[in-house]
Structure formats: structure tokens, C-alpha cells
């Protein structure tokens, strides 16, 4: 037996354009739109919360300290050192403690002083 192949028999071909069902539209359009919306909302919330918690806003509610209540301004003279300034500012205390306070008050990174430099020293109480 010989088998004859009929070329007209085969899968049916559609002649109308392909249309998406409701589930198909949700899959291809809705989910990506939902993801983009969620990402934008998350970015907006992050920006808003970041601006409220920024270090620039952290100091706006605090008044500046008046250093004159705690320390006196001293001008460094030629030959002065932290040790001599500390000993002269509060002779009743340990000089090392006073030197430590002078370094902290003035945020000094080095013990080298320049003539004419202004330093805050703790007030003797």
C-alpha cells in the first residue's frame, strides 16, 4: 500500500489576528505596570524618609552652645605649649586633665600650636 499524503490536511490556520484574553493582558501589561508603580512608590517613600532623617536636619532643633559659659578664649603666644596654657588656666587641677579638655574643646589633631592661634580653655570653677 502506498500512502498518499494530502497536503490540504493539516493543522488549521487562523486567518484572523491574535487577540489577548483578559488573563493575557494582565500577564503582559498589568504585572509590569504594577511592578513599575511599586518601584516608583518605594523610591518616593525612601526620598521622603531620607530627607526627614538626614544629618542636615538633625541639628536644626538644637541651639548652639555659648562657649563663654564653659571656656575662655586665649591667644597663644610665642613659646606657649598646651602644658603651659593648661597649667596657667587652672593650677588647682591635674595639668593632664586640663590639656585633655583643651584638646577636646578645640578639636585639636596635633599638639603643635602657632603664635596668634585662638584656643578655648576651660574656666576655673
Protein backbone atom coordinates (compact mmCIF):
# COMPACT_ATOMS: atom_id res chain seq x y z
CA UNK A 1 0.00 0.00 0.00
CA UNK A 2 1.16 3.28 -0.82
CA UNK A 3 0.24 6.12 1.38
CA UNK A 4 -0.89 9.26 -0.22
CA UNK A 5 -0.25 12.44 1.57
CA UNK A 6 -2.86 15.05 1.24
CA UNK A 7 -1.32 18.49 1.54
CA UNK A 8 -4.64 20.10 2.37
CA UNK A 9 -4.98 18.10 5.53
CA UNK A 10 -3.04 19.55 8.44
CA UNK A 11 -3.41 21.96 11.27
CA UNK A 12 -5.97 24.60 10.71
CA UNK A 13 -4.53 28.04 10.14
CA UNK A 14 -6.20 31.10 11.58
CA UNK A 15 -6.73 33.99 9.33
CA UNK A 16 -7.89 36.48 11.99
CA UNK A 17 -5.31 38.36 14.13
CA UNK A 18 -4.28 37.01 17.50
CA UNK A 19 -6.09 38.66 20.42
CA UNK A 20 -5.18 38.55 24.07
CA UNK A 21 -7.60 37.32 26.64
CA UNK A 22 -8.13 39.14 29.93
CA UNK A 23 -5.57 36.90 31.63
CA UNK A 24 -3.10 37.52 28.83
CA UNK A 25 -3.49 41.30 29.10
CA UNK A 26 -2.99 41.05 32.87
CA UNK A 27 0.14 38.99 32.40
CA UNK A 28 1.79 41.12 29.70
CA UNK A 29 0.60 44.59 30.69
CA UNK A 30 -0.73 44.63 34.24
CA UNK A 31 2.06 42.91 36.12
CA UNK A 32 4.90 45.04 34.65
CA UNK A 33 2.83 48.20 35.25
CA UNK A 34 2.25 47.10 38.84
CA UNK A 35 5.98 46.45 39.33
CA UNK A 36 6.95 49.87 37.94
CA UNK A 37 4.34 51.58 40.14
CA UNK A 38 5.60 49.75 43.23
CA UNK A 39 9.21 50.71 42.45
CA UNK A 40 8.27 54.38 42.00
CA UNK A 41 6.28 54.39 45.24
CA UNK A 42 9.18 52.78 47.11
CA UNK A 43 11.61 55.37 45.69
CA UNK A 44 9.29 58.22 46.70
CA UNK A 45 8.96 56.88 50.25
CA UNK A 46 12.74 56.42 50.50
CA UNK A 47 13.38 60.00 49.38
CA UNK A 48 10.83 61.43 51.81
CA UNK A 49 12.07 59.41 54.77
CA UNK A 50 15.68 60.15 53.85
CA UNK A 51 15.07 63.87 53.82
CA UNK A 52 13.49 63.78 57.28
CA UNK A 53 16.29 61.67 58.76
CA UNK A 54 19.21 63.42 57.07
CA UNK A 55 22.09 64.73 59.19
CA UNK A 56 21.37 68.24 57.92
CA UNK A 57 18.00 68.19 59.71
CA UNK A 58 19.42 66.60 62.82
CA UNK A 59 20.93 69.83 64.09
CA UNK A 60 18.18 72.29 63.22
CA UNK A 61 16.33 71.98 66.52
CA UNK A 62 19.37 72.43 68.78
CA UNK A 63 20.64 75.84 69.83
CA UNK A 64 24.38 76.50 69.68
CA UNK A 65 26.26 76.37 72.95
CA UNK A 66 27.63 79.57 74.30
CA UNK A 67 31.28 78.72 74.91
CA UNK A 68 31.71 81.69 77.26
CA UNK A 69 29.84 79.75 79.97
CA UNK A 70 32.33 76.87 79.89
CA UNK A 71 35.55 78.19 78.43
CA UNK A 72 37.57 81.33 77.90
CA UNK A 73 39.32 82.33 74.70
CA UNK A 74 43.10 82.53 74.97
CA UNK A 75 45.59 83.72 72.36
CA UNK A 76 48.66 81.53 72.01
CA UNK A 77 51.92 83.47 72.49
CA UNK A 78 55.36 82.64 71.15
CA UNK A 79 56.78 79.69 73.12
CA UNK A 80 53.43 78.60 74.63
CA UNK A 81 52.54 74.92 74.73
CA UNK A 82 49.39 73.08 75.71
CA UNK A 83 51.07 72.21 79.01
CA UNK A 84 51.89 75.80 79.96
CA UNK A 85 48.46 77.08 78.91
CA UNK A 86 46.73 74.29 80.88
CA UNK A 87 48.87 74.92 83.98
CA UNK A 88 48.15 78.65 83.87
CA UNK A 89 44.40 78.27 83.26
CA UNK A 90 43.64 76.01 86.26
CA UNK A 91 46.55 75.46 88.68
CA UNK A 92 44.37 73.53 91.15
CA UNK A 93 43.71 70.62 88.76
CA UNK A 94 45.90 67.95 87.21
CA UNK A 95 47.51 69.50 84.13
CA UNK A 96 46.95 66.35 82.06
CA UNK A 97 43.18 66.59 82.56
CA UNK A 98 43.15 70.26 81.56
CA UNK A 99 45.27 69.53 78.47
CA UNK A 100 42.78 66.80 77.53
CA UNK A 101 39.88 69.25 77.91
CA UNK A 102 41.66 71.89 75.80
CA UNK A 103 42.25 69.33 73.04
CA UNK A 104 38.56 68.31 73.15
CA UNK A 105 37.21 71.88 73.29
CA UNK A 106 39.27 72.95 70.28
CA UNK A 107 39.13 69.67 68.33
CA UNK A 108 42.91 69.65 68.02
CA UNK A 109 44.51 66.92 65.94
CA UNK A 110 48.04 67.87 66.95
CA UNK A 111 49.77 69.39 69.97
CA UNK A 112 51.61 71.89 67.76
CA UNK A 113 50.43 75.44 68.44
CA UNK A 114 51.01 78.58 66.37
CA UNK A 115 51.59 82.03 67.86
CA UNK A 116 48.39 84.07 67.48
CA UNK A 117 46.16 80.97 67.45
CA UNK A 118 42.92 81.27 69.46
CA UNK A 119 42.16 78.44 71.89
CA UNK A 120 39.31 77.80 74.29
CA UNK A 121 40.44 76.75 77.77
CA UNK A 122 38.09 75.50 80.49
CA UNK A 123 37.03 78.09 83.04
CA UNK A 124 38.37 77.52 86.57
CA UNK A 125 35.43 76.87 88.91
